[in-house]
Amino acid sequence: MPAIGGAGSSKRLIRGRLHDMSKGGFCVLTDKALKVLKVVRCEIGLAKVPAAIPTVSQVRWIQKNARGPRYRIGMQFLV
């Protein structure tokens, strides 16, 4: 997952790695934390796909890791 940007006036770019994905959402590994319930615009990049997939999702949970990327973030797709 190349980027996550906050919806609204406080836009910032966060890069992360897609950990897993389902029809309801995805988990991303990143060095930056987001707030639970925050709605964000995401661009999901997949291997062998030339363009990123834009989507809007909401942060559902955050888990801090002891090693590696510091946070696992559960995101829910919004319709």
N, C-alpha and C. Protein backbone atom coordinates (compact mmCIF):
# COMPACT_ATOMS: atom_id res chain seq x y z
N MET A 1 0.85 -1.17 0.00
CA MET A 1 0.00 0.00 0.00
C MET A 1 0.89 1.22 0.00
N PRO A 2 0.93 1.97 -1.08
CA PRO A 2 1.83 3.10 -1.15
C PRO A 2 1.51 4.26 -0.23
N ALA A 3 0.24 4.62 -0.07
CA ALA A 3 -0.03 5.85 0.66
C ALA A 3 -1.38 5.86 1.35
N ILE A 4 -1.42 6.57 2.46
CA ILE A 4 -2.66 6.86 3.17
C ILE A 4 -2.67 8.36 3.42
N GLY A 5 -3.73 9.04 3.07
CA GLY A 5 -3.84 10.47 3.31
C GLY A 5 -5.10 10.78 4.08
N GLY A 6 -4.99 11.65 5.06
CA GLY A 6 -6.15 11.99 5.88
C GLY A 6 -7.17 12.80 5.10
N ALA A 7 -8.44 12.51 5.32
CA ALA A 7 -9.50 13.28 4.70
C ALA A 7 -9.67 14.58 5.48
N GLY A 8 -9.83 15.67 4.79
CA GLY A 8 -10.01 16.94 5.47
C GLY A 8 -8.77 17.82 5.36
N SER A 9 -8.64 18.76 6.27
CA SER A 9 -7.59 19.77 6.16
C SER A 9 -6.22 19.28 6.60
N SER A 10 -6.13 18.27 7.45
CA SER A 10 -4.83 17.83 7.96
C SER A 10 -4.29 16.68 7.10
N LYS A 11 -3.97 16.97 5.85
CA LYS A 11 -3.49 15.94 4.94
C LYS A 11 -2.02 15.65 5.19
N ARG A 12 -1.70 14.35 5.29
CA ARG A 12 -0.32 13.93 5.39
C ARG A 12 -0.19 12.59 4.69
N LEU A 13 0.97 12.32 4.20
CA LEU A 13 1.22 11.09 3.46
C LEU A 13 1.88 10.08 4.38
N ILE A 14 1.33 8.88 4.43
CA ILE A 14 1.90 7.79 5.22
C ILE A 14 2.11 6.62 4.30
N ARG A 15 3.31 6.09 4.28
CA ARG A 15 3.59 4.91 3.47
C ARG A 15 3.60 3.69 4.36
N GLY A 16 3.12 2.59 3.82
CA GLY A 16 3.08 1.36 4.58
C GLY A 16 3.11 0.15 3.66
N ARG A 17 3.08 -1.01 4.26
CA ARG A 17 3.09 -2.26 3.50
C ARG A 17 1.79 -3.00 3.78
N LEU A 18 1.12 -3.41 2.73
CA LEU A 18 -0.12 -4.16 2.85
C LEU A 18 0.19 -5.52 3.45
N HIS A 19 -0.47 -5.85 4.57
CA HIS A 19 -0.24 -7.13 5.24
C HIS A 19 -1.24 -8.17 4.76
N ASP A 20 -2.52 -7.82 4.74
CA ASP A 20 -3.54 -8.70 4.19
C ASP A 20 -4.75 -7.88 3.79
N MET A 21 -5.63 -8.50 2.97
CA MET A 21 -6.80 -7.79 2.47
C MET A 21 -7.96 -8.78 2.33
N SER A 22 -9.16 -8.31 2.61
CA SER A 22 -10.37 -9.09 2.41
C SER A 22 -11.40 -8.19 1.75
N LYS A 23 -12.61 -8.70 1.53
CA LYS A 23 -13.63 -7.87 0.89
C LYS A 23 -14.10 -6.73 1.80
N GLY A 24 -13.86 -6.84 3.12
CA GLY A 24 -14.30 -5.81 4.05
C GLY A 24 -13.26 -4.78 4.43
N GLY A 25 -11.98 -5.09 4.19
CA GLY A 25 -10.93 -4.16 4.58
C GLY A 25 -9.55 -4.75 4.42
N PHE A 26 -8.58 -4.18 5.12
CA PHE A 26 -7.20 -4.61 5.00
C PHE A 26 -6.41 -4.24 6.24
N CYS A 27 -5.25 -4.83 6.37
CA CYS A 27 -4.33 -4.51 7.45
C CYS A 27 -3.06 -3.96 6.82
N VAL A 28 -2.55 -2.89 7.36
CA VAL A 28 -1.34 -2.27 6.83
C VAL A 28 -0.30 -2.16 7.95
N LEU A 29 0.96 -2.35 7.59
CA LEU A 29 2.09 -2.18 8.51
C LEU A 29 2.75 -0.84 8.19
N THR A 30 2.94 -0.01 9.22
CA THR A 30 3.49 1.32 8.98
C THR A 30 4.26 1.82 10.21
N ASP A 31 5.06 2.85 10.01
CA ASP A 31 5.82 3.46 11.10
C ASP A 31 5.02 4.56 11.82
N LYS A 32 3.92 4.98 11.24
CA LYS A 32 3.12 6.07 11.81
C LYS A 32 1.79 5.56 12.33
N ALA A 33 1.34 6.11 13.43
CA ALA A 33 0.04 5.74 13.99
C ALA A 33 -1.06 6.65 13.42
N LEU A 34 -2.25 6.12 13.34
CA LEU A 34 -3.43 6.90 12.98
C LEU A 34 -4.43 6.77 14.13
N LYS A 35 -5.38 7.65 14.19
CA LYS A 35 -6.40 7.57 15.24
C LYS A 35 -7.53 6.64 14.81
N VAL A 36 -8.00 5.84 15.77
CA VAL A 36 -9.13 4.96 15.52
C VAL A 36 -10.34 5.81 15.10
N LEU A 37 -11.09 5.34 14.13
CA LEU A 37 -12.27 5.96 13.52
C LEU A 37 -11.94 7.04 12.50
N LYS A 38 -10.67 7.36 12.30
CA LYS A 38 -10.27 8.35 11.30
C LYS A 38 -10.61 7.82 9.92
N VAL A 39 -11.21 8.64 9.08
CA VAL A 39 -11.51 8.30 7.70
C VAL A 39 -10.36 8.81 6.84
N VAL A 40 -9.83 7.92 5.99
CA VAL A 40 -8.67 8.27 5.18
C VAL A 40 -8.85 7.84 3.73
N ARG A 41 -8.21 8.56 2.84
CA ARG A 41 -8.15 8.20 1.43
C ARG A 41 -6.89 7.37 1.26
N CYS A 42 -7.02 6.21 0.64
CA CYS A 42 -5.89 5.31 0.46
C CYS A 42 -5.66 5.02 -1.01
N GLU A 43 -4.43 4.72 -1.35
CA GLU A 43 -4.07 4.22 -2.67
C GLU A 43 -3.36 2.91 -2.46
N ILE A 44 -3.97 1.83 -2.90
CA ILE A 44 -3.42 0.49 -2.69
C ILE A 44 -2.72 0.04 -3.96
N GLY A 45 -1.43 -0.21 -3.84
CA GLY A 45 -0.64 -0.69 -4.97
C GLY A 45 -0.43 -2.19 -4.85
N LEU A 46 -0.67 -2.89 -5.93
CA LEU A 46 -0.49 -4.33 -5.96
C LEU A 46 0.59 -4.70 -6.97
N ALA A 47 1.29 -5.79 -6.71
CA ALA A 47 2.35 -6.24 -7.61
C ALA A 47 1.76 -6.52 -8.99
N LYS A 48 2.49 -6.13 -10.00
CA LYS A 48 2.13 -6.36 -11.40
C LYS A 48 0.88 -5.62 -11.86
N VAL A 49 0.44 -4.64 -11.08
CA VAL A 49 -0.67 -3.78 -11.48
C VAL A 49 -0.09 -2.38 -11.65
N PRO A 50 -0.18 -1.80 -12.87
CA PRO A 50 0.51 -0.54 -13.14
C PRO A 50 -0.04 0.69 -12.40
N ALA A 51 -1.29 0.65 -11.94
CA ALA A 51 -1.87 1.82 -11.27
C ALA A 51 -2.32 1.44 -9.86
N ALA A 52 -2.27 2.42 -8.96
CA ALA A 52 -2.75 2.21 -7.59
C ALA A 52 -4.28 2.26 -7.58
N ILE A 53 -4.89 1.54 -6.65
CA ILE A 53 -6.34 1.49 -6.52
C ILE A 53 -6.76 2.49 -5.43
N PRO A 54 -7.48 3.55 -5.82
CA PRO A 54 -7.91 4.52 -4.81
C PRO A 54 -9.13 4.00 -4.04
N THR A 55 -9.17 4.26 -2.75
CA THR A 55 -10.30 3.85 -1.92
C THR A 55 -10.39 4.77 -0.70
N VAL A 56 -11.52 4.74 -0.05
CA VAL A 56 -11.71 5.45 1.21
C VAL A 56 -11.97 4.40 2.27
N SER A 57 -11.30 4.53 3.40
CA SER A 57 -11.45 3.54 4.46
C SER A 57 -11.41 4.23 5.83
N GLN A 58 -11.75 3.45 6.85
CA GLN A 58 -11.77 3.98 8.22
C GLN A 58 -10.89 3.11 9.10
N VAL A 59 -10.11 3.75 9.96
CA VAL A 59 -9.25 3.03 10.91
C VAL A 59 -10.15 2.37 11.95
N ARG A 60 -10.06 1.05 12.09
CA ARG A 60 -10.87 0.31 13.05
C ARG A 60 -10.09 -0.09 14.29
N TRP A 61 -8.79 -0.40 14.13
CA TRP A 61 -7.96 -0.76 15.29
C TRP A 61 -6.50 -0.51 14.96
N ILE A 62 -5.71 -0.36 16.03
CA ILE A 62 -4.26 -0.16 15.90
C ILE A 62 -3.58 -1.05 16.93
N GLN A 63 -2.52 -1.72 16.50
CA GLN A 63 -1.73 -2.56 17.40
C GLN A 63 -0.27 -2.13 17.26
N LYS A 64 0.35 -1.75 18.37
CA LYS A 64 1.75 -1.36 18.35
C LYS A 64 2.62 -2.61 18.40
N ASN A 65 3.61 -2.67 17.51
CA ASN A 65 4.54 -3.80 17.45
C ASN A 65 5.81 -3.49 18.24
N ALA A 66 6.42 -4.53 18.79
CA ALA A 66 7.68 -4.36 19.50
C ALA A 66 8.85 -4.22 18.53
N ARG A 67 8.75 -4.90 17.37
CA ARG A 67 9.83 -4.85 16.38
C ARG A 67 9.24 -4.56 15.00
N GLY A 68 10.13 -4.33 14.03
CA GLY A 68 9.70 -4.12 12.66
C GLY A 68 8.90 -2.84 12.52
N PRO A 69 8.00 -2.82 11.51
CA PRO A 69 7.13 -1.63 11.42
C PRO A 69 6.41 -1.47 12.76
N ARG A 70 6.28 -0.28 13.23
CA ARG A 70 5.82 -0.06 14.59
C ARG A 70 4.33 -0.29 14.81
N TYR A 71 3.53 -0.21 13.75
CA TYR A 71 2.08 -0.32 13.93
C TYR A 71 1.45 -1.25 12.89
N ARG A 72 0.48 -2.04 13.35
CA ARG A 72 -0.43 -2.77 12.47
C ARG A 72 -1.75 -2.05 12.59
N ILE A 73 -2.30 -1.65 11.46
CA ILE A 73 -3.53 -0.86 11.46
C ILE A 73 -4.60 -1.59 10.66
N GLY A 74 -5.74 -1.85 11.29
CA GLY A 74 -6.88 -2.47 10.63
C GLY A 74 -7.77 -1.41 10.02
N MET A 75 -7.99 -1.53 8.71
CA MET A 75 -8.77 -0.55 7.96
C MET A 75 -10.03 -1.21 7.41
N GLN A 76 -11.16 -0.52 7.47
CA GLN A 76 -12.41 -1.01 6.92
C GLN A 76 -12.77 -0.18 5.70
N PHE A 77 -13.09 -0.85 4.57
CA PHE A 77 -13.52 -0.13 3.38
C PHE A 77 -14.85 0.56 3.67
N LEU A 78 -15.01 1.79 3.18
CA LEU A 78 -16.27 2.52 3.28
C LEU A 78 -16.91 2.54 1.91
N VAL A 79 -18.23 2.39 1.90
CA VAL A 79 -18.95 2.35 0.62
C VAL A 79 -19.45 3.73 0.28
